[in-house]
Amino acid sequence: MIVTVGRIGRAHGVRGEVTVEVRTDSPDERFADGAVLTTEPAAAGPLTVVASRWHSGRLLVRFDAVTDRTAAERMRGTVLQADVADDEQTGDPDEFFDRQLVGLTVVTVGGDDVGTVREVLHAPGHDLLAVTRPGGGEALIPFVTEIVPEVELSASRLVVDPPPGLLE
């Protein structure tokens, strides 16, 4: 399965290093030396990581095909993707990959149908589940334990205990 792990930002220095907006919980693994990433647009890649390092809270990456600042600037905005096993787990029973949550049926603790998870939005503070409602429209549900007490991947559903007004 192909998943997005980052997006190339601006060039850093003159030797082709770029900043990367990380979109993975495993940046040290996904951007390890020798890792091969596909790209969107596809014509920009694939790219092989030559080196990566953290600098002032930003991930800096150097790719084999990007050797100077001009080439690095041309890569700006390129989406970086990795091929991961469909059954890959996070290693923590309380953490999930976005792809595991998208498509799950959402029900309340009382069993009422809320909808289907369309997307996971990463907001400052906490993630939000964008849920398509059965009658149309969308609900944004904070993905926190107090509101989402159960995630049952084997049953393809998650249970929510929404505070009053959240689903209206």
Protein backbone atom coordinates (compact mmCIF):
# COMPACT_ATOMS: atom_id res chain seq x y z
CA MET A 1 0.00 0.00 0.00
CA ILE A 2 1.32 3.45 -0.91
CA VAL A 3 1.08 6.07 1.86
CA THR A 4 2.14 9.71 1.96
CA VAL A 5 5.06 10.27 4.33
CA GLY A 6 5.99 13.88 3.57
CA ARG A 7 6.10 16.84 1.23
CA ILE A 8 9.22 18.61 0.07
CA GLY A 9 9.51 22.19 1.24
CA ARG A 10 12.14 24.75 0.38
CA ALA A 11 15.79 24.18 -0.38
CA HIS A 12 18.30 24.31 2.48
CA GLY A 13 21.82 25.32 1.56
CA VAL A 14 23.48 24.88 -1.81
CA ARG A 15 24.13 21.12 -1.97
CA GLY A 16 20.58 19.96 -2.72
CA GLU A 17 19.28 19.45 0.79
CA VAL A 18 15.54 20.11 1.23
CA THR A 19 13.20 20.59 4.16
CA VAL A 20 10.47 17.98 4.46
CA GLU A 21 7.04 18.50 6.00
CA VAL A 22 6.74 15.16 7.78
CA ARG A 23 3.46 13.26 7.46
CA THR A 24 4.43 10.03 9.18
CA ASP A 25 4.87 8.87 12.75
CA SER A 26 8.08 7.08 11.73
CA PRO A 27 10.25 9.71 10.04
CA ASP A 28 13.54 8.13 11.12
CA GLU A 29 12.47 4.89 9.44
CA ARG A 30 10.81 6.37 6.34
CA PHE A 31 13.70 8.78 5.64
CA ALA A 32 16.56 6.46 6.59
CA ASP A 33 19.63 6.42 4.35
CA GLY A 34 18.87 4.28 1.30
CA ALA A 35 15.08 4.49 1.60
CA VAL A 36 13.40 4.72 -1.81
CA LEU A 37 10.33 6.96 -2.03
CA THR A 38 7.87 7.34 -4.87
CA THR A 39 6.59 10.80 -5.69
CA GLU A 40 3.54 12.72 -6.77
CA PRO A 41 3.97 13.82 -9.49
CA ALA A 42 5.47 10.49 -10.51
CA ALA A 43 7.89 12.13 -12.96
CA ALA A 44 9.82 13.64 -10.02
CA GLY A 45 10.88 10.26 -8.68
CA PRO A 46 11.53 7.76 -7.43
CA LEU A 47 13.95 9.35 -4.98
CA THR A 48 16.54 7.59 -2.85
CA VAL A 49 17.47 9.15 0.49
CA VAL A 50 21.22 9.80 0.69
CA ALA A 51 21.14 11.46 4.12
CA SER A 52 18.67 12.95 6.58
CA ARG A 53 19.01 14.92 9.78
CA TRP A 54 17.01 17.05 12.16
CA HIS A 55 17.86 20.75 12.34
CA SER A 56 15.94 23.24 14.51
CA GLY A 57 12.90 20.96 14.60
CA ARG A 58 12.82 20.41 10.82
CA LEU A 59 13.74 17.33 8.88
CA LEU A 60 16.39 17.99 6.24
CA VAL A 61 16.84 15.37 3.53
CA ARG A 62 19.28 14.93 0.67
CA PHE A 63 18.20 12.74 -2.27
CA ASP A 64 20.47 11.08 -4.82
CA ALA A 65 18.89 12.89 -7.79
CA VAL A 66 18.98 16.36 -6.18
CA THR A 67 22.52 17.71 -6.14
CA ASP A 68 22.24 21.50 -6.00
CA ARG A 69 19.99 24.30 -4.79
CA THR A 70 18.35 24.81 -8.21
CA ALA A 71 17.32 21.15 -8.42
CA ALA A 72 16.13 21.29 -4.80
CA GLU A 73 13.91 24.32 -5.51
CA ARG A 74 12.34 22.50 -8.49
CA MET A 75 11.30 19.69 -6.13
CA ARG A 76 9.35 22.01 -3.83
CA GLY A 77 5.80 20.76 -3.26
CA THR A 78 6.55 17.19 -4.35
CA VAL A 79 4.65 14.66 -2.27
CA LEU A 80 6.77 11.78 -0.95
CA GLN A 81 5.25 8.32 -0.66
CA ALA A 82 6.37 4.96 0.74
CA ASP A 83 5.21 1.44 0.05
CA VAL A 84 4.15 -0.19 3.33
CA ALA A 85 2.72 -3.62 4.09
CA ASP A 86 -1.07 -3.66 4.31
CA ASP A 87 -0.88 -5.35 7.71
CA GLU A 88 1.80 -3.06 9.20
CA GLN A 89 0.97 -2.02 12.76
CA THR A 90 2.18 0.96 14.80
CA GLY A 91 3.36 -1.18 17.70
CA ASP A 92 1.12 0.71 20.15
CA PRO A 93 -2.44 -0.61 20.58
CA ASP A 94 -3.73 2.95 21.08
CA GLU A 95 -2.19 4.37 17.88
CA PHE A 96 -3.44 3.88 14.34
CA PHE A 97 -2.38 4.72 10.83
CA ASP A 98 -4.77 7.04 9.01
CA ARG A 99 -5.39 4.32 6.42
CA GLN A 100 -6.65 1.99 9.17
CA LEU A 101 -9.29 4.51 10.27
CA VAL A 102 -10.54 5.70 6.87
CA GLY A 103 -13.62 3.71 5.90
CA LEU A 104 -14.54 2.60 9.42
CA THR A 105 -18.19 2.78 10.42
CA VAL A 106 -18.81 5.18 13.29
CA VAL A 107 -21.48 4.41 15.89
CA THR A 108 -22.39 5.96 19.23
CA VAL A 109 -22.08 4.02 22.50
CA GLY A 110 -25.86 3.57 22.19
CA GLY A 111 -25.48 1.96 18.76
CA ASP A 112 -26.75 4.88 16.62
CA ASP A 113 -25.15 5.16 13.17
CA VAL A 114 -23.03 8.31 12.91
CA GLY A 115 -21.45 7.68 9.48
CA THR A 116 -18.16 6.63 7.91
CA VAL A 117 -14.66 8.02 8.49
CA ARG A 118 -13.73 9.86 5.27
CA GLU A 119 -10.42 11.36 6.37
CA VAL A 120 -8.18 11.98 9.36
CA LEU A 121 -7.29 15.66 9.73
CA HIS A 122 -4.15 16.52 11.65
CA ALA A 123 -4.86 19.69 13.61
CA PRO A 124 -2.75 21.38 16.27
CA GLY A 125 -3.57 19.82 19.63
CA HIS A 126 -5.33 16.68 18.39
CA ASP A 127 -6.46 14.88 15.27
CA LEU A 128 -9.99 15.12 13.90
CA LEU A 129 -12.03 12.44 12.20
CA ALA A 130 -13.97 13.79 9.20
CA VAL A 131 -17.09 11.61 9.18
CA THR A 132 -19.54 11.50 6.29
CA ARG A 133 -23.05 11.44 7.77
CA PRO A 134 -25.67 8.96 6.46
CA GLY A 135 -28.14 11.71 5.52
CA GLY A 136 -25.45 13.89 3.95
CA GLY A 137 -23.09 16.39 5.44
CA GLU A 138 -20.06 15.90 7.60
CA ALA A 139 -19.17 15.77 11.28
CA LEU A 140 -15.73 16.56 12.69
CA ILE A 141 -14.99 14.41 15.72
CA PRO A 142 -11.92 14.99 17.91
CA PHE A 143 -9.91 11.77 17.95
CA VAL A 144 -9.33 11.65 21.70
CA THR A 145 -10.01 8.77 24.11
CA GLU A 146 -12.77 10.66 25.96
CA ILE A 147 -14.82 10.94 22.76
CA VAL A 148 -13.60 7.84 20.88
CA PRO A 149 -13.33 5.17 23.59
CA GLU A 150 -13.20 2.18 21.23
CA VAL A 151 -11.57 1.46 17.88
CA GLU A 152 -12.38 -2.03 16.63
CA LEU A 153 -10.38 -2.62 13.47
CA SER A 154 -11.48 -6.26 13.26
CA ALA A 155 -15.13 -5.15 13.27
CA SER A 156 -14.42 -2.17 10.93
CA ARG A 157 -15.97 0.29 13.36
CA LEU A 158 -15.23 2.82 16.01
CA VAL A 159 -17.44 3.85 18.88
CA VAL A 160 -17.93 7.47 19.89
CA ASP A 161 -19.33 9.01 23.07
CA PRO A 162 -19.97 12.57 21.79
CA PRO A 163 -20.63 15.45 24.13
CA PRO A 164 -23.96 17.20 23.63
CA GLY A 165 -24.09 19.20 20.39
CA LEU A 166 -21.05 17.64 18.72
CA LEU A 167 -23.05 15.74 16.09
CA GLU A 168 -25.66 18.43 15.45
